[in-house]
Amino acid sequence: MEIDPVVHRFAEDHFGLPRINVFHEDGRAFVEKTKEKWDYILHDVFTGGTVPAHLFTKEMWKSVKAALAEHGVLTVVCSFVVL
């Protein structure tokens, strides 16, 4: 899952990201509508100094929990740039 196709292509071209099927949409919208259960969800949010608030609400975490398989793993990575 990557909201920006340019970032995805850059990761493939410059960081060796395998050529896999990636959904280009907002992560919250995806987990709210998915019917699948996922074994692993990586919630990785890099920002330029602001927190995308819609990705850190109680409703978002409930949606992520619902999307995880019974013994699924959630990893959360938050990177913030403070100037």
N, C-alpha and C. Protein backbone atom coordinates (compact mmCIF):
# COMPACT_ATOMS: atom_id res chain seq x y z
N MET A 1 0.85 -1.17 0.00
CA MET A 1 0.00 0.00 0.00
C MET A 1 0.89 1.23 0.00
N GLU A 2 0.71 2.05 -0.96
CA GLU A 2 1.42 3.33 -1.03
C GLU A 2 0.50 4.31 -1.72
N ILE A 3 0.25 5.42 -1.09
CA ILE A 3 -0.69 6.38 -1.65
C ILE A 3 -0.13 7.06 -2.91
N ASP A 4 1.17 7.19 -3.00
CA ASP A 4 1.78 7.92 -4.11
C ASP A 4 2.52 6.97 -5.05
N PRO A 5 2.02 6.78 -6.28
CA PRO A 5 2.68 5.88 -7.23
C PRO A 5 4.13 6.28 -7.54
N VAL A 6 4.46 7.56 -7.46
CA VAL A 6 5.83 8.02 -7.73
C VAL A 6 6.78 7.48 -6.65
N VAL A 7 6.35 7.51 -5.40
CA VAL A 7 7.16 6.97 -4.31
C VAL A 7 7.37 5.48 -4.51
N HIS A 8 6.34 4.78 -4.91
CA HIS A 8 6.43 3.34 -5.16
C HIS A 8 7.45 3.05 -6.26
N ARG A 9 7.35 3.75 -7.38
CA ARG A 9 8.31 3.54 -8.48
C ARG A 9 9.74 3.86 -8.05
N PHE A 10 9.91 4.92 -7.28
CA PHE A 10 11.23 5.29 -6.78
C PHE A 10 11.81 4.18 -5.91
N ALA A 11 10.99 3.60 -5.05
CA ALA A 11 11.44 2.50 -4.19
C ALA A 11 11.85 1.28 -5.02
N GLU A 12 11.12 1.00 -6.08
CA GLU A 12 11.49 -0.11 -6.96
C GLU A 12 12.80 0.17 -7.69
N ASP A 13 12.92 1.38 -8.22
CA ASP A 13 14.06 1.73 -9.06
C ASP A 13 15.35 1.95 -8.27
N HIS A 14 15.23 2.48 -7.05
CA HIS A 14 16.44 2.89 -6.33
C HIS A 14 16.72 2.10 -5.05
N PHE A 15 15.74 1.39 -4.52
CA PHE A 15 15.95 0.67 -3.27
C PHE A 15 15.69 -0.83 -3.39
N GLY A 16 15.46 -1.29 -4.61
CA GLY A 16 15.30 -2.72 -4.83
C GLY A 16 14.00 -3.32 -4.35
N LEU A 17 12.98 -2.50 -4.16
CA LEU A 17 11.68 -3.05 -3.79
C LEU A 17 11.25 -4.03 -4.86
N PRO A 18 10.91 -5.25 -4.49
CA PRO A 18 10.49 -6.22 -5.51
C PRO A 18 9.27 -5.72 -6.27
N ARG A 19 9.18 -6.11 -7.51
CA ARG A 19 8.03 -5.75 -8.34
C ARG A 19 6.84 -6.61 -7.93
N ILE A 20 6.06 -6.07 -7.02
CA ILE A 20 4.89 -6.78 -6.48
C ILE A 20 3.66 -5.92 -6.72
N ASN A 21 2.51 -6.51 -6.53
CA ASN A 21 1.26 -5.77 -6.66
C ASN A 21 1.10 -4.85 -5.46
N VAL A 22 1.02 -3.57 -5.69
CA VAL A 22 0.86 -2.57 -4.63
C VAL A 22 -0.39 -1.76 -4.91
N PHE A 23 -1.19 -1.57 -3.89
CA PHE A 23 -2.38 -0.74 -4.01
C PHE A 23 -1.98 0.71 -3.79
N HIS A 24 -2.43 1.61 -4.68
CA HIS A 24 -2.12 3.03 -4.55
C HIS A 24 -3.38 3.74 -4.07
N GLU A 25 -3.51 3.78 -2.77
CA GLU A 25 -4.63 4.51 -2.17
C GLU A 25 -4.34 4.78 -0.71
N ASP A 26 -5.18 5.56 -0.09
CA ASP A 26 -5.04 5.88 1.31
C ASP A 26 -5.20 4.62 2.15
N GLY A 27 -4.29 4.39 3.08
CA GLY A 27 -4.32 3.19 3.90
C GLY A 27 -5.58 3.05 4.72
N ARG A 28 -6.08 4.15 5.26
CA ARG A 28 -7.29 4.07 6.06
C ARG A 28 -8.48 3.61 5.22
N ALA A 29 -8.62 4.19 4.04
CA ALA A 29 -9.72 3.79 3.16
C ALA A 29 -9.62 2.30 2.83
N PHE A 30 -8.40 1.83 2.62
CA PHE A 30 -8.21 0.42 2.28
C PHE A 30 -8.61 -0.50 3.43
N VAL A 31 -8.12 -0.25 4.63
CA VAL A 31 -8.44 -1.16 5.74
C VAL A 31 -9.91 -1.09 6.12
N GLU A 32 -10.55 0.05 5.89
CA GLU A 32 -11.97 0.15 6.21
C GLU A 32 -12.83 -0.67 5.26
N LYS A 33 -12.38 -0.86 4.03
CA LYS A 33 -13.22 -1.57 3.06
C LYS A 33 -12.79 -3.02 2.80
N THR A 34 -11.56 -3.39 3.19
CA THR A 34 -11.07 -4.73 2.87
C THR A 34 -11.90 -5.80 3.58
N LYS A 35 -12.15 -6.87 2.89
CA LYS A 35 -12.85 -8.01 3.47
C LYS A 35 -11.85 -9.11 3.83
N GLU A 36 -10.61 -8.94 3.36
CA GLU A 36 -9.57 -9.94 3.61
C GLU A 36 -8.98 -9.75 5.01
N LYS A 37 -8.42 -10.83 5.53
CA LYS A 37 -7.67 -10.78 6.77
C LYS A 37 -6.20 -10.86 6.39
N TRP A 38 -5.39 -10.00 6.95
CA TRP A 38 -3.99 -9.89 6.60
C TRP A 38 -3.12 -10.42 7.73
N ASP A 39 -2.09 -11.18 7.36
CA ASP A 39 -1.16 -11.72 8.35
C ASP A 39 -0.21 -10.66 8.89
N TYR A 40 0.06 -9.65 8.09
CA TYR A 40 1.02 -8.63 8.48
C TYR A 40 0.58 -7.28 7.93
N ILE A 41 0.50 -6.29 8.79
CA ILE A 41 0.20 -4.93 8.37
C ILE A 41 1.31 -4.03 8.89
N LEU A 42 1.90 -3.28 7.97
CA LEU A 42 2.93 -2.32 8.32
C LEU A 42 2.33 -0.93 8.18
N HIS A 43 2.19 -0.25 9.29
CA HIS A 43 1.64 1.11 9.32
C HIS A 43 2.84 2.05 9.40
N ASP A 44 3.31 2.50 8.24
CA ASP A 44 4.52 3.30 8.15
C ASP A 44 4.15 4.67 7.64
N VAL A 45 4.26 5.67 8.48
CA VAL A 45 3.85 7.02 8.11
C VAL A 45 5.04 7.95 8.26
N PHE A 46 5.53 8.44 7.14
CA PHE A 46 6.57 9.47 7.16
C PHE A 46 5.88 10.78 6.84
N THR A 47 6.19 11.78 7.63
CA THR A 47 5.60 13.09 7.38
C THR A 47 6.69 14.15 7.37
N GLY A 48 6.34 15.26 6.81
CA GLY A 48 7.26 16.38 6.80
C GLY A 48 7.07 17.30 7.99
N GLY A 49 6.54 16.77 9.07
CA GLY A 49 6.38 17.57 10.28
C GLY A 49 4.96 17.61 10.81
N THR A 50 4.00 17.12 10.03
CA THR A 50 2.62 17.08 10.51
C THR A 50 2.17 15.63 10.56
N VAL A 51 1.28 15.35 11.46
CA VAL A 51 0.74 14.00 11.60
C VAL A 51 -0.55 13.91 10.81
N PRO A 52 -0.66 12.95 9.88
CA PRO A 52 -1.94 12.77 9.18
C PRO A 52 -2.96 12.20 10.17
N ALA A 53 -3.70 13.08 10.80
CA ALA A 53 -4.57 12.73 11.92
C ALA A 53 -5.52 11.58 11.61
N HIS A 54 -6.01 11.47 10.39
CA HIS A 54 -6.98 10.42 10.07
C HIS A 54 -6.36 9.02 10.16
N LEU A 55 -5.02 8.93 10.21
CA LEU A 55 -4.36 7.63 10.33
C LEU A 55 -4.07 7.25 11.78
N PHE A 56 -4.47 8.10 12.73
CA PHE A 56 -4.19 7.85 14.14
C PHE A 56 -5.42 8.03 15.02
N THR A 57 -6.57 7.70 14.49
CA THR A 57 -7.81 7.80 15.28
C THR A 57 -8.19 6.44 15.84
N LYS A 58 -9.07 6.46 16.82
CA LYS A 58 -9.58 5.22 17.40
C LYS A 58 -10.27 4.37 16.33
N GLU A 59 -10.98 5.02 15.43
CA GLU A 59 -11.67 4.31 14.34
C GLU A 59 -10.68 3.62 13.41
N MET A 60 -9.56 4.28 13.13
CA MET A 60 -8.53 3.69 12.28
C MET A 60 -7.97 2.42 12.91
N TRP A 61 -7.64 2.50 14.21
CA TRP A 61 -7.07 1.33 14.89
C TRP A 61 -8.07 0.19 14.94
N LYS A 62 -9.35 0.48 15.10
CA LYS A 62 -10.38 -0.57 15.07
C LYS A 62 -10.42 -1.23 13.69
N SER A 63 -10.30 -0.44 12.63
CA SER A 63 -10.30 -0.98 11.28
C SER A 63 -9.07 -1.86 11.04
N VAL A 64 -7.92 -1.41 11.53
CA VAL A 64 -6.69 -2.20 11.39
C VAL A 64 -6.85 -3.52 12.13
N LYS A 65 -7.37 -3.47 13.34
CA LYS A 65 -7.57 -4.69 14.12
C LYS A 65 -8.50 -5.65 13.39
N ALA A 66 -9.54 -5.13 12.80
CA ALA A 66 -10.50 -5.97 12.07
C ALA A 66 -9.87 -6.58 10.82
N ALA A 67 -8.88 -5.91 10.24
CA ALA A 67 -8.23 -6.40 9.02
C ALA A 67 -7.12 -7.42 9.31
N LEU A 68 -6.69 -7.51 10.56
CA LEU A 68 -5.63 -8.45 10.91
C LEU A 68 -6.18 -9.87 11.08
N ALA A 69 -5.40 -10.84 10.60
CA ALA A 69 -5.73 -12.24 10.84
C ALA A 69 -5.64 -12.50 12.35
N GLU A 70 -6.17 -13.63 12.78
CA GLU A 70 -6.22 -13.94 14.22
C GLU A 70 -4.85 -13.79 14.90
N HIS A 71 -3.82 -14.28 14.28
CA HIS A 71 -2.48 -14.16 14.86
C HIS A 71 -1.61 -13.20 14.03
N GLY A 72 -2.27 -12.22 13.43
CA GLY A 72 -1.57 -11.26 12.59
C GLY A 72 -0.67 -10.34 13.41
N VAL A 73 0.24 -9.69 12.71
CA VAL A 73 1.21 -8.79 13.33
C VAL A 73 1.04 -7.40 12.76
N LEU A 74 1.00 -6.41 13.65
CA LEU A 74 0.95 -5.01 13.25
C LEU A 74 2.27 -4.36 13.65
N THR A 75 2.92 -3.71 12.70
CA THR A 75 4.13 -2.94 12.99
C THR A 75 3.81 -1.48 12.67
N VAL A 76 4.14 -0.58 13.59
CA VAL A 76 3.89 0.84 13.39
C VAL A 76 5.23 1.57 13.40
N VAL A 77 5.47 2.32 12.32
CA VAL A 77 6.68 3.12 12.19
C VAL A 77 6.25 4.56 11.94
N CYS A 78 6.67 5.47 12.79
CA CYS A 78 6.34 6.87 12.60
C CYS A 78 7.64 7.65 12.53
N SER A 79 7.82 8.38 11.46
CA SER A 79 9.02 9.22 11.31
C SER A 79 8.56 10.65 11.15
N PHE A 80 9.09 11.50 11.96
CA PHE A 80 8.72 12.91 11.90
C PHE A 80 9.96 13.74 11.73
N VAL A 81 9.85 14.76 10.91
CA VAL A 81 10.95 15.69 10.71
C VAL A 81 10.63 16.94 11.50
N VAL A 82 11.50 17.29 12.40
CA VAL A 82 11.30 18.51 13.20
C VAL A 82 12.39 19.49 12.80
N LEU A 83 11.97 20.65 12.37
CA LEU A 83 12.94 21.66 11.96
C LEU A 83 13.03 22.75 13.00
